Amino acid sequence: MFCANDLHCHSTASDGTLSPHALVLRAADAGVRVLALTDHDTTAGIEEASLAARQCGLKLIPGVEISVTWNRQTVHIVGLNVDPDNRTLQQGLSKLREFRDWRAREMAERLEKAGISGAYEGALAYSNGVLVSRTHFARFLVKQGVVSDERKVFKRYLVSGKPGHVPGNWASLEQVLGWIHAAGGEAVVAHPARYRMTGSKLRRLLKDFIRQRGEAIEVVSGSHGRDDYFRMAGLARDLGLKASVGSDFHSPENPWIELGRLPMLPDGCRPVWVDWDIPQDSLDHSRQEMPGAPKAMPVGRTGS
């Protein structure tokens, strides 16, 4: 069965390729009933998405995906049901966007030294002109013919030890959960199986997350394979965390995931939306027979 809720996706407000309006319409056409817009370090697309959701009868959850540095590693925390007008949240996100701008310019300088010119301007052309991410650099390098696909860009140029890599200097886990809770939201660890962590290290992350009053983890994710669903479900049950579902949809061109094609949560999970004011017919989060689980996101693409 397909899940009717998708609580993690991106628009042109960050590194997606569909406008917030077009994203919502695509989700509704795919049978999604409850959608969270969770752009990277910004809530700029929520107003447009909310208007589109009202027009097509879809429930829009205001959200954001925030970058965290934990134990010298970048992880992502999704905030759901946040108040986009909350001052504490917006001040924190503004600082992260300032770092993103510096990082983009530094990445371009390092790529220049590696013989790739015009990378900042090229990446900027693929962005909204405000937030420039590694994904925008990847799209530019593919268009320039430097490599054949975005996965290879990350693997050859944008990860640790490669010419265009710039280490993240994001907010702490404590800061980010403070921002989300100040905005009235719930915090979710995004795609936990995607991080290059041992099982014991992942448990340490989740225990730190719980100490900061974190609420949930993504059990079903576009970055997860079928085995990951059940492993993450077991962690959620063991640690008393709620379970979330999110495609991490960025673009119709991404071959590994599509809106409206996520499987249901495994048995025994407590959904993150269990106490939300959403239509009753969304609570069973099922729609039609599923021929197979979506494939996990290819290794090598490690984030925005």
C-alpha atoms as a PDB file:
ATOM      1  CA  MET A   1       0.000   0.000   0.000  1.00  0.00           C
ATOM      2  CA  PHE A   2       1.157   3.543  -0.661  1.00  0.00           C
ATOM      3  CA  CYS A   3       1.404   6.150   2.077  1.00  0.00           C
ATOM      4  CA  ALA A   4      -0.816   9.212   1.681  1.00  0.00           C
ATOM      5  CA  ASN A   5       1.478  11.383   3.818  1.00  0.00           C
ATOM      6  CA  ASP A   6       4.821  12.795   2.652  1.00  0.00           C
ATOM      7  CA  LEU A   7       6.595  14.838   5.296  1.00  0.00           C
ATOM      8  CA  HIS A   8       9.874  15.718   3.573  1.00  0.00           C
ATOM      9  CA  CYS A   9      10.256  17.393   0.173  1.00  0.00           C
ATOM     10  CA  HIS A  10      11.942  20.359  -1.495  1.00  0.00           C
ATOM     11  CA  SER A  11      11.051  23.176  -3.865  1.00  0.00           C
ATOM     12  CA  THR A  12      12.889  25.950  -5.691  1.00  0.00           C
ATOM     13  CA  ALA A  13      12.995  27.787  -2.369  1.00  0.00           C
ATOM     14  CA  SER A  14      16.092  25.632  -1.761  1.00  0.00           C
ATOM     15  CA  ASP A  15      17.424  22.927  -4.101  1.00  0.00           C
ATOM     16  CA  GLY A  16      14.287  21.449  -5.636  1.00  0.00           C
ATOM     17  CA  THR A  17      13.418  22.065  -9.281  1.00  0.00           C
ATOM     18  CA  LEU A  18       9.651  22.600  -8.903  1.00  0.00           C
ATOM     19  CA  SER A  19       8.130  25.790  -7.539  1.00  0.00           C
ATOM     20  CA  PRO A  20       6.206  25.373  -4.269  1.00  0.00           C
ATOM     21  CA  HIS A  21       2.955  25.699  -6.241  1.00  0.00           C
ATOM     22  CA  ALA A  22       3.937  23.084  -8.834  1.00  0.00           C
ATOM     23  CA  LEU A  23       5.242  20.744  -6.121  1.00  0.00           C
ATOM     24  CA  VAL A  24       1.929  20.806  -4.262  1.00  0.00           C
ATOM     25  CA  LEU A  25      -0.058  20.167  -7.436  1.00  0.00           C
ATOM     26  CA  ARG A  26       2.193  17.237  -8.349  1.00  0.00           C
ATOM     27  CA  ALA A  27       1.792  15.772  -4.853  1.00  0.00           C
ATOM     28  CA  ALA A  28      -1.987  16.120  -4.983  1.00  0.00           C
ATOM     29  CA  ASP A  29      -2.128  14.492  -8.422  1.00  0.00           C
ATOM     30  CA  ALA A  30      -0.065  11.599  -7.015  1.00  0.00           C
ATOM     31  CA  GLY A  31      -2.581  11.001  -4.223  1.00  0.00           C
ATOM     32  CA  VAL A  32      -0.681  12.659  -1.363  1.00  0.00           C
ATOM     33  CA  ARG A  33      -3.149  14.045   1.182  1.00  0.00           C
ATOM     34  CA  VAL A  34      -0.732  15.526   3.740  1.00  0.00           C
ATOM     35  CA  LEU A  35       2.479  17.155   2.505  1.00  0.00           C
ATOM     36  CA  ALA A  36       5.248  18.912   4.433  1.00  0.00           C
ATOM     37  CA  LEU A  37       7.411  21.405   2.564  1.00  0.00           C
ATOM     38  CA  THR A  38      10.844  21.138   4.191  1.00  0.00           C
ATOM     39  CA  ASP A  39      13.313  23.235   2.238  1.00  0.00           C
ATOM     40  CA  HIS A  40      16.912  23.476   3.409  1.00  0.00           C
ATOM     41  CA  ASP A  41      17.409  26.187   6.039  1.00  0.00           C
ATOM     42  CA  THR A  42      14.497  28.300   4.770  1.00  0.00           C
ATOM     43  CA  THR A  43      10.725  28.583   5.028  1.00  0.00           C
ATOM     44  CA  ALA A  44      10.474  30.936   2.051  1.00  0.00           C
ATOM     45  CA  GLY A  45       8.240  28.616  -0.012  1.00  0.00           C
ATOM     46  CA  ILE A  46       5.598  27.909   2.600  1.00  0.00           C
ATOM     47  CA  GLU A  47       3.228  30.799   1.829  1.00  0.00           C
ATOM     48  CA  GLU A  48       3.037  29.897  -1.872  1.00  0.00           C
ATOM     49  CA  ALA A  49       2.676  26.193  -1.080  1.00  0.00           C
ATOM     50  CA  SER A  50      -0.087  26.869   1.460  1.00  0.00           C
ATOM     51  CA  LEU A  51      -2.106  28.807  -1.099  1.00  0.00           C
ATOM     52  CA  ALA A  52      -1.773  25.990  -3.638  1.00  0.00           C
ATOM     53  CA  ALA A  53      -2.720  23.412  -0.995  1.00  0.00           C
ATOM     54  CA  ARG A  54      -5.936  25.268  -0.159  1.00  0.00           C
ATOM     55  CA  GLN A  55      -6.815  25.380  -3.849  1.00  0.00           C
ATOM     56  CA  CYS A  56      -6.434  21.627  -4.362  1.00  0.00           C
ATOM     57  CA  GLY A  57      -7.642  20.343  -0.987  1.00  0.00           C
ATOM     58  CA  LEU A  58      -4.297  19.054   0.258  1.00  0.00           C
ATOM     59  CA  LYS A  59      -3.167  19.546   3.874  1.00  0.00           C
ATOM     60  CA  LEU A  60       0.141  21.481   3.913  1.00  0.00           C
ATOM     61  CA  ILE A  61       2.408  21.080   6.936  1.00  0.00           C
ATOM     62  CA  PRO A  62       4.857  23.986   7.309  1.00  0.00           C
ATOM     63  CA  GLY A  63       8.324  22.591   7.775  1.00  0.00           C
ATOM     64  CA  VAL A  64      12.040  23.058   7.278  1.00  0.00           C
ATOM     65  CA  GLU A  65      15.136  20.841   7.001  1.00  0.00           C
ATOM     66  CA  ILE A  66      17.966  22.261   9.096  1.00  0.00           C
ATOM     67  CA  SER A  67      21.666  21.489   8.832  1.00  0.00           C
ATOM     68  CA  VAL A  68      23.431  20.337  12.006  1.00  0.00           C
ATOM     69  CA  THR A  69      27.048  19.591  12.842  1.00  0.00           C
ATOM     70  CA  TRP A  70      27.144  16.676  15.285  1.00  0.00           C
ATOM     71  CA  ASN A  71      30.401  15.005  16.275  1.00  0.00           C
ATOM     72  CA  ARG A  72      32.126  16.648  13.278  1.00  0.00           C
ATOM     73  CA  GLN A  73      29.522  15.193  10.924  1.00  0.00           C
ATOM     74  CA  THR A  74      26.653  16.862   9.059  1.00  0.00           C
ATOM     75  CA  VAL A  75      23.185  15.562   9.836  1.00  0.00           C
ATOM     76  CA  HIS A  76      19.790  16.991   8.939  1.00  0.00           C
ATOM     77  CA  ILE A  77      16.885  17.654  11.265  1.00  0.00           C
ATOM     78  CA  VAL A  78      13.403  18.229   9.885  1.00  0.00           C
ATOM     79  CA  GLY A  79      11.073  20.559  11.775  1.00  0.00           C
ATOM     80  CA  LEU A  80       7.368  19.858  11.239  1.00  0.00           C
ATOM     81  CA  ASN A  81       4.405  22.113  12.053  1.00  0.00           C
ATOM     82  CA  VAL A  82       6.691  25.060  12.701  1.00  0.00           C
ATOM     83  CA  ASP A  83       5.487  28.656  12.801  1.00  0.00           C
ATOM     84  CA  PRO A  84       7.282  30.290   9.850  1.00  0.00           C
ATOM     85  CA  ASP A  85       6.964  33.695  11.519  1.00  0.00           C
ATOM     86  CA  ASN A  86       8.765  32.669  14.695  1.00  0.00           C
ATOM     87  CA  ARG A  87      11.633  35.064  15.323  1.00  0.00           C
ATOM     88  CA  THR A  88      13.946  32.566  17.036  1.00  0.00           C
ATOM     89  CA  LEU A  89      13.647  30.119  14.155  1.00  0.00           C
ATOM     90  CA  GLN A  90      14.187  32.764  11.486  1.00  0.00           C
ATOM     91  CA  GLN A  91      17.220  34.261  13.213  1.00  0.00           C
ATOM     92  CA  GLY A  92      18.819  30.832  13.376  1.00  0.00           C
ATOM     93  CA  LEU A  93      18.041  29.999   9.743  1.00  0.00           C
ATOM     94  CA  SER A  94      19.390  33.370   8.613  1.00  0.00           C
ATOM     95  CA  LYS A  95      22.793  32.570  10.125  1.00  0.00           C
ATOM     96  CA  LEU A  96      22.890  29.222   8.327  1.00  0.00           C
ATOM     97  CA  ARG A  97      22.069  30.882   5.011  1.00  0.00           C
ATOM     98  CA  GLU A  98      24.918  33.341   5.574  1.00  0.00           C
ATOM     99  CA  PHE A  99      27.251  30.390   5.997  1.00  0.00           C
ATOM    100  CA  ARG A 100      25.812  28.768   2.862  1.00  0.00           C
ATOM    101  CA  ASP A 101      26.637  31.884   0.864  1.00  0.00           C
ATOM    102  CA  TRP A 102      30.236  31.933   2.132  1.00  0.00           C
ATOM    103  CA  ARG A 103      30.564  28.183   1.512  1.00  0.00           C
ATOM    104  CA  ALA A 104      29.323  28.527  -2.077  1.00  0.00           C
ATOM    105  CA  ARG A 105      31.921  31.177  -2.872  1.00  0.00           C
ATOM    106  CA  GLU A 106      34.673  29.128  -1.215  1.00  0.00           C
ATOM    107  CA  MET A 107      33.622  26.025  -3.153  1.00  0.00           C
ATOM    108  CA  ALA A 108      33.826  28.001  -6.385  1.00  0.00           C
ATOM    109  CA  GLU A 109      37.335  29.181  -5.536  1.00  0.00           C
ATOM    110  CA  ARG A 110      38.485  25.633  -4.851  1.00  0.00           C
ATOM    111  CA  LEU A 111      36.915  24.372  -8.070  1.00  0.00           C
ATOM    112  CA  GLU A 112      38.659  27.199  -9.936  1.00  0.00           C
ATOM    113  CA  LYS A 113      41.983  25.904  -8.651  1.00  0.00           C
ATOM    114  CA  ALA A 114      40.964  22.471  -9.945  1.00  0.00           C
ATOM    115  CA  GLY A 115      40.462  23.950 -13.412  1.00  0.00           C
ATOM    116  CA  ILE A 116      36.696  24.551 -13.350  1.00  0.00           C
ATOM    117  CA  SER A 117      35.868  28.200 -13.967  1.00  0.00           C
ATOM    118  CA  GLY A 118      32.637  30.103 -13.361  1.00  0.00           C
ATOM    119  CA  ALA A 119      31.220  27.595 -10.889  1.00  0.00           C
ATOM    120  CA  TYR A 120      29.671  30.136  -8.525  1.00  0.00           C
ATOM    121  CA  GLU A 121      27.856  32.006 -11.273  1.00  0.00           C
ATOM    122  CA  GLY A 122      26.862  28.705 -12.851  1.00  0.00           C
ATOM    123  CA  ALA A 123      25.449  27.305  -9.615  1.00  0.00           C
ATOM    124  CA  LEU A 124      23.700  30.590  -8.911  1.00  0.00           C
ATOM    125  CA  ALA A 125      21.896  30.343 -12.252  1.00  0.00           C
ATOM    126  CA  TYR A 126      20.349  27.032 -11.128  1.00  0.00           C
ATOM    127  CA  SER A 127      19.246  28.468  -7.785  1.00  0.00           C
ATOM    128  CA  ASN A 128      16.636  30.991  -6.702  1.00  0.00           C
ATOM    129  CA  GLY A 129      19.388  33.584  -6.379  1.00  0.00           C
ATOM    130  CA  VAL A 130      19.292  33.466  -2.583  1.00  0.00           C
ATOM    131  CA  LEU A 131      20.274  29.986  -1.425  1.00  0.00           C
ATOM    132  CA  VAL A 132      23.051  28.191  -3.317  1.00  0.00           C
ATOM    133  CA  SER A 133      23.644  24.554  -2.409  1.00  0.00           C
ATOM    134  CA  ARG A 134      25.958  21.752  -3.464  1.00  0.00           C
ATOM    135  CA  THR A 135      23.119  20.410  -5.571  1.00  0.00           C
ATOM    136  CA  HIS A 136      23.173  23.596  -7.663  1.00  0.00           C
ATOM    137  CA  PHE A 137      26.907  23.144  -8.220  1.00  0.00           C
ATOM    138  CA  ALA A 138      26.240  19.545  -9.236  1.00  0.00           C
ATOM    139  CA  ARG A 139      23.648  20.577 -11.804  1.00  0.00           C
ATOM    140  CA  PHE A 140      26.024  23.143 -13.267  1.00  0.00           C
ATOM    141  CA  LEU A 141      28.898  20.665 -13.563  1.00  0.00           C
ATOM    142  CA  VAL A 142      26.661  18.113 -15.268  1.00  0.00           C
ATOM    143  CA  LYS A 143      25.420  20.758 -17.706  1.00  0.00           C
ATOM    144  CA  GLN A 144      29.027  21.734 -18.448  1.00  0.00           C
ATOM    145  CA  GLY A 145      29.832  18.127 -19.265  1.00  0.00           C
ATOM    146  CA  VAL A 146      32.410  17.811 -16.485  1.00  0.00           C
ATOM    147  CA  VAL A 147      30.683  14.597 -15.354  1.00  0.00           C
ATOM    148  CA  SER A 148      27.667  12.682 -16.583  1.00  0.00           C
ATOM    149  CA  ASP A 149      25.384  12.816 -13.547  1.00  0.00           C
ATOM    150  CA  GLU A 150      24.963  14.525 -10.188  1.00  0.00           C
ATOM    151  CA  ARG A 151      25.980  11.480  -8.172  1.00  0.00           C
ATOM    152  CA  LYS A 152      29.391  11.499  -9.848  1.00  0.00           C
ATOM    153  CA  VAL A 153      29.784  15.221  -9.138  1.00  0.00           C
ATOM    154  CA  PHE A 154      29.400  14.615  -5.417  1.00  0.00           C
ATOM    155  CA  LYS A 155      31.710  11.599  -5.490  1.00  0.00           C
ATOM    156  CA  ARG A 156      34.484  13.271  -7.502  1.00  0.00           C
ATOM    157  CA  TYR A 157      34.287  16.906  -6.432  1.00  0.00           C
ATOM    158  CA  LEU A 158      32.074  17.741  -3.451  1.00  0.00           C
ATOM    159  CA  VAL A 159      32.708  15.242  -0.660  1.00  0.00           C
ATOM    160  CA  SER A 160      35.521  15.141   1.871  1.00  0.00           C
ATOM    161  CA  GLY A 161      38.964  14.954   0.274  1.00  0.00           C
ATOM    162  CA  LYS A 162      37.764  16.147  -3.139  1.00  0.00           C
ATOM    163  CA  PRO A 163      38.637  19.461  -4.857  1.00  0.00           C
ATOM    164  CA  GLY A 164      35.401  21.368  -4.198  1.00  0.00           C
ATOM    165  CA  HIS A 165      34.677  20.142  -0.693  1.00  0.00           C
ATOM    166  CA  VAL A 166      34.181  22.730   2.060  1.00  0.00           C
ATOM    167  CA  PRO A 167      33.431  21.314   5.534  1.00  0.00           C
ATOM    168  CA  GLY A 168      30.092  22.261   7.026  1.00  0.00           C
ATOM    169  CA  ASN A 169      30.048  24.572  10.016  1.00  0.00           C
ATOM    170  CA  TRP A 170      26.397  24.297  10.912  1.00  0.00           C
ATOM    171  CA  ALA A 171      24.401  24.771  14.092  1.00  0.00           C
ATOM    172  CA  SER A 172      24.547  22.381  17.024  1.00  0.00           C
ATOM    173  CA  LEU A 173      21.865  19.793  17.704  1.00  0.00           C
ATOM    174  CA  GLU A 174      20.869  21.693  20.840  1.00  0.00           C
ATOM    175  CA  GLN A 175      20.502  24.966  18.937  1.00  0.00           C
ATOM    176  CA  VAL A 176      18.439  23.491  16.130  1.00  0.00           C
ATOM    177  CA  LEU A 177      16.004  21.643  18.358  1.00  0.00           C
ATOM    178  CA  GLY A 178      15.683  24.850  20.386  1.00  0.00           C
ATOM    179  CA  TRP A 179      14.691  26.757  17.242  1.00  0.00           C
ATOM    180  CA  ILE A 180      12.164  24.119  16.183  1.00  0.00           C
ATOM    181  CA  HIS A 181      10.542  23.909  19.602  1.00  0.00           C
ATOM    182  CA  ALA A 182      10.473  27.697  19.947  1.00  0.00           C
ATOM    183  CA  ALA A 183       8.488  27.715  16.696  1.00  0.00           C
ATOM    184  CA  GLY A 184       6.011  25.183  18.102  1.00  0.00           C
ATOM    185  CA  GLY A 185       7.244  22.344  15.912  1.00  0.00           C
ATOM    186  CA  GLU A 186       8.327  18.740  16.267  1.00  0.00           C
ATOM    187  CA  ALA A 187      11.871  17.622  15.433  1.00  0.00           C
ATOM    188  CA  VAL A 188      12.614  14.620  13.211  1.00  0.00           C
ATOM    189  CA  VAL A 189      15.992  13.085  12.335  1.00  0.00           C
ATOM    190  CA  ALA A 190      16.010  13.029   8.534  1.00  0.00           C
ATOM    191  CA  HIS A 191      17.001   9.841   6.635  1.00  0.00           C
ATOM    192  CA  PRO A 192      19.013   8.310   9.530  1.00  0.00           C
ATOM    193  CA  ALA A 193      20.105   5.249   7.553  1.00  0.00           C
ATOM    194  CA  ARG A 194      21.804   7.492   4.999  1.00  0.00           C
ATOM    195  CA  TYR A 195      24.547   8.701   7.331  1.00  0.00           C
ATOM    196  CA  ARG A 196      27.856   6.883   7.247  1.00  0.00           C
ATOM    197  CA  MET A 197      27.656   5.784  10.875  1.00  0.00           C
ATOM    198  CA  THR A 198      28.087   2.544  12.731  1.00  0.00           C
ATOM    199  CA  GLY A 199      25.030   1.278  14.548  1.00  0.00           C
ATOM    200  CA  SER A 200      26.461   2.370  17.893  1.00  0.00           C
ATOM    201  CA  LYS A 201      27.248   5.867  16.632  1.00  0.00           C
ATOM    202  CA  LEU A 202      23.738   6.265  15.240  1.00  0.00           C
ATOM    203  CA  ARG A 203      22.338   5.268  18.609  1.00  0.00           C
ATOM    204  CA  ARG A 204      24.520   7.932  20.266  1.00  0.00           C
ATOM    205  CA  LEU A 205      23.124  10.520  17.861  1.00  0.00           C
ATOM    206  CA  LEU A 206      19.566   9.463  18.600  1.00  0.00           C
ATOM    207  CA  LYS A 207      20.151   9.474  22.355  1.00  0.00           C
ATOM    208  CA  ASP A 208      21.587  12.995  22.134  1.00  0.00           C
ATOM    209  CA  PHE A 209      18.538  13.914  20.045  1.00  0.00           C
ATOM    210  CA  ILE A 210      16.219  12.514  22.723  1.00  0.00           C
ATOM    211  CA  ARG A 211      18.064  14.441  25.444  1.00  0.00           C
ATOM    212  CA  GLN A 212      17.230  17.618  23.522  1.00  0.00           C
ATOM    213  CA  ARG A 213      13.559  16.529  23.450  1.00  0.00           C
ATOM    214  CA  GLY A 214      13.590  15.332  19.850  1.00  0.00           C
ATOM    215  CA  GLU A 215      10.400  13.579  18.848  1.00  0.00           C
ATOM    216  CA  ALA A 216      10.822  11.342  15.784  1.00  0.00           C
ATOM    217  CA  ILE A 217      12.972   9.761  13.092  1.00  0.00           C
ATOM    218  CA  GLU A 218      12.248   9.151   9.426  1.00  0.00           C
ATOM    219  CA  VAL A 219      11.615   5.434   9.213  1.00  0.00           C
ATOM    220  CA  VAL A 220      10.435   5.421   5.603  1.00  0.00           C
ATOM    221  CA  SER A 221      12.537   7.675   3.398  1.00  0.00           C
ATOM    222  CA  GLY A 222      13.449   8.042  -0.240  1.00  0.00           C
ATOM    223  CA  SER A 223      17.037   7.547   0.954  1.00  0.00           C
ATOM    224  CA  HIS A 224      16.229   4.200   2.577  1.00  0.00           C
ATOM    225  CA  GLY A 225      15.907   0.707   1.172  1.00  0.00           C
ATOM    226  CA  ARG A 226      13.380  -1.856   2.391  1.00  0.00           C
ATOM    227  CA  ASP A 227      15.734  -3.314   5.004  1.00  0.00           C
ATOM    228  CA  ASP A 228      16.365   0.190   6.340  1.00  0.00           C
ATOM    229  CA  TYR A 229      12.623   0.682   6.959  1.00  0.00           C
ATOM    230  CA  PHE A 230      12.531  -2.200   9.398  1.00  0.00           C
ATOM    231  CA  ARG A 231      15.861  -1.374  11.027  1.00  0.00           C
ATOM    232  CA  MET A 232      14.791   2.242  11.636  1.00  0.00           C
ATOM    233  CA  ALA A 233      11.377   1.073  12.843  1.00  0.00           C
ATOM    234  CA  GLY A 234      13.134  -1.107  15.405  1.00  0.00           C
ATOM    235  CA  LEU A 235      15.246   1.814  16.590  1.00  0.00           C
ATOM    236  CA  ALA A 236      12.175   4.029  16.883  1.00  0.00           C
ATOM    237  CA  ARG A 237      10.363   1.430  18.972  1.00  0.00           C
ATOM    238  CA  ASP A 238      13.413   0.692  21.151  1.00  0.00           C
ATOM    239  CA  LEU A 239      14.072   4.365  21.882  1.00  0.00           C
ATOM    240  CA  GLY A 240      10.468   5.528  22.191  1.00  0.00           C
ATOM    241  CA  LEU A 241      10.569   7.782  19.148  1.00  0.00           C
ATOM    242  CA  LYS A 242       7.718   8.496  16.766  1.00  0.00           C
ATOM    243  CA  ALA A 243       8.088   7.503  13.123  1.00  0.00           C
ATOM    244  CA  SER A 244       7.910   9.753  10.077  1.00  0.00           C
ATOM    245  CA  VAL A 245       7.584   9.205   6.339  1.00  0.00           C
ATOM    246  CA  GLY A 246       9.255  11.429   3.741  1.00  0.00           C
ATOM    247  CA  SER A 247      10.329  11.058   0.135  1.00  0.00           C
ATOM    248  CA  ASP A 248      13.026  13.774   0.209  1.00  0.00           C
ATOM    249  CA  PHE A 249      11.695  14.596  -3.259  1.00  0.00           C
ATOM    250  CA  HIS A 250      13.766  17.186  -5.133  1.00  0.00           C
ATOM    251  CA  SER A 251      12.991  16.802  -8.805  1.00  0.00           C
ATOM    252  CA  PRO A 252      10.944  14.787 -11.304  1.00  0.00           C
ATOM    253  CA  GLU A 253      14.275  13.901 -12.914  1.00  0.00           C
ATOM    254  CA  ASN A 254      15.494  12.010  -9.831  1.00  0.00           C
ATOM    255  CA  PRO A 255      15.051   8.346 -10.745  1.00  0.00           C
ATOM    256  CA  TRP A 256      14.985   6.919  -7.227  1.00  0.00           C
ATOM    257  CA  ILE A 257      11.809   8.450  -5.786  1.00  0.00           C
ATOM    258  CA  GLU A 258       8.495  10.000  -6.743  1.00  0.00           C
ATOM    259  CA  LEU A 259       5.829  11.735  -4.727  1.00  0.00           C
ATOM    260  CA  GLY A 260       2.997   9.458  -3.640  1.00  0.00           C
ATOM    261  CA  ARG A 261       4.975   6.219  -3.914  1.00  0.00           C
ATOM    262  CA  LEU A 262       6.221   5.667  -0.365  1.00  0.00           C
ATOM    263  CA  PRO A 263       5.190   2.498   1.470  1.00  0.00           C
ATOM    264  CA  MET A 264       3.326   2.454   4.738  1.00  0.00           C
ATOM    265  CA  LEU A 265       5.145   2.510   8.055  1.00  0.00           C
ATOM    266  CA  PRO A 266       6.051  -0.938   9.391  1.00  0.00           C
ATOM    267  CA  ASP A 267       3.754  -2.381  12.047  1.00  0.00           C
ATOM    268  CA  GLY A 268       4.312  -1.174  15.579  1.00  0.00           C
ATOM    269  CA  CYS A 269       5.420   2.353  14.685  1.00  0.00           C
ATOM    270  CA  ARG A 270       3.778   5.361  16.298  1.00  0.00           C
ATOM    271  CA  PRO A 271       3.286   7.894  13.494  1.00  0.00           C
ATOM    272  CA  VAL A 272       4.559  11.409  14.084  1.00  0.00           C
ATOM    273  CA  TRP A 273       1.150  12.678  12.930  1.00  0.00           C
ATOM    274  CA  VAL A 274      -0.816  10.631  15.485  1.00  0.00           C
ATOM    275  CA  ASP A 275      -1.959  13.724  17.432  1.00  0.00           C
ATOM    276  CA  TRP A 276      -2.233  16.143  14.512  1.00  0.00           C
ATOM    277  CA  ASP A 277      -5.437  17.773  13.373  1.00  0.00           C
ATOM    278  CA  ILE A 278      -5.531  16.159   9.935  1.00  0.00           C
ATOM    279  CA  PRO A 279      -8.352  14.498   8.018  1.00  0.00           C
ATOM    280  CA  GLN A 280      -9.302  11.143   9.480  1.00  0.00           C
ATOM    281  CA  ASP A 281      -8.911   9.397   6.129  1.00  0.00           C
ATOM    282  CA  SER A 282      -5.217  10.303   6.171  1.00  0.00           C
ATOM    283  CA  LEU A 283      -4.583   8.456   9.405  1.00  0.00           C
ATOM    284  CA  ASP A 284      -4.683   5.051   7.720  1.00  0.00           C
ATOM    285  CA  HIS A 285      -2.018   6.425   5.335  1.00  0.00           C
ATOM    286  CA  SER A 286      -2.882   3.972   2.561  1.00  0.00           C
ATOM    287  CA  ARG A 287      -3.994   4.392  -0.993  1.00  0.00           C
ATOM    288  CA  GLN A 288      -3.413   1.502  -3.355  1.00  0.00           C
ATOM    289  CA  GLU A 289      -1.368  -1.629  -3.923  1.00  0.00           C
ATOM    290  CA  MET A 290       2.367  -1.074  -4.115  1.00  0.00           C
ATOM    291  CA  PRO A 291       4.281  -3.151  -6.651  1.00  0.00           C
ATOM    292  CA  GLY A 292       7.555  -2.645  -4.815  1.00  0.00           C
ATOM    293  CA  ALA A 293       9.368  -0.341  -2.442  1.00  0.00           C
ATOM    294  CA  PRO A 294      11.188   2.608  -3.992  1.00  0.00           C
ATOM    295  CA  LYS A 295      14.896   2.184  -4.434  1.00  0.00           C
ATOM    296  CA  ALA A 296      17.208   3.865  -1.969  1.00  0.00           C
ATOM    297  CA  MET A 297      18.940   7.060  -3.016  1.00  0.00           C
ATOM    298  CA  PRO A 298      22.203   6.196  -4.758  1.00  0.00           C
ATOM    299  CA  VAL A 299      25.290   6.320  -2.584  1.00  0.00           C
ATOM    300  CA  GLY A 300      27.361   9.435  -3.212  1.00  0.00           C
ATOM    301  CA  ARG A 301      24.698  12.105  -2.959  1.00  0.00           C
ATOM    302  CA  THR A 302      25.110  13.248   0.612  1.00  0.00           C
ATOM    303  CA  GLY A 303      22.979  16.346   0.935  1.00  0.00           C
ATOM    304  CA  SER A 304      22.507  19.983   0.127  1.00  0.00           C
END
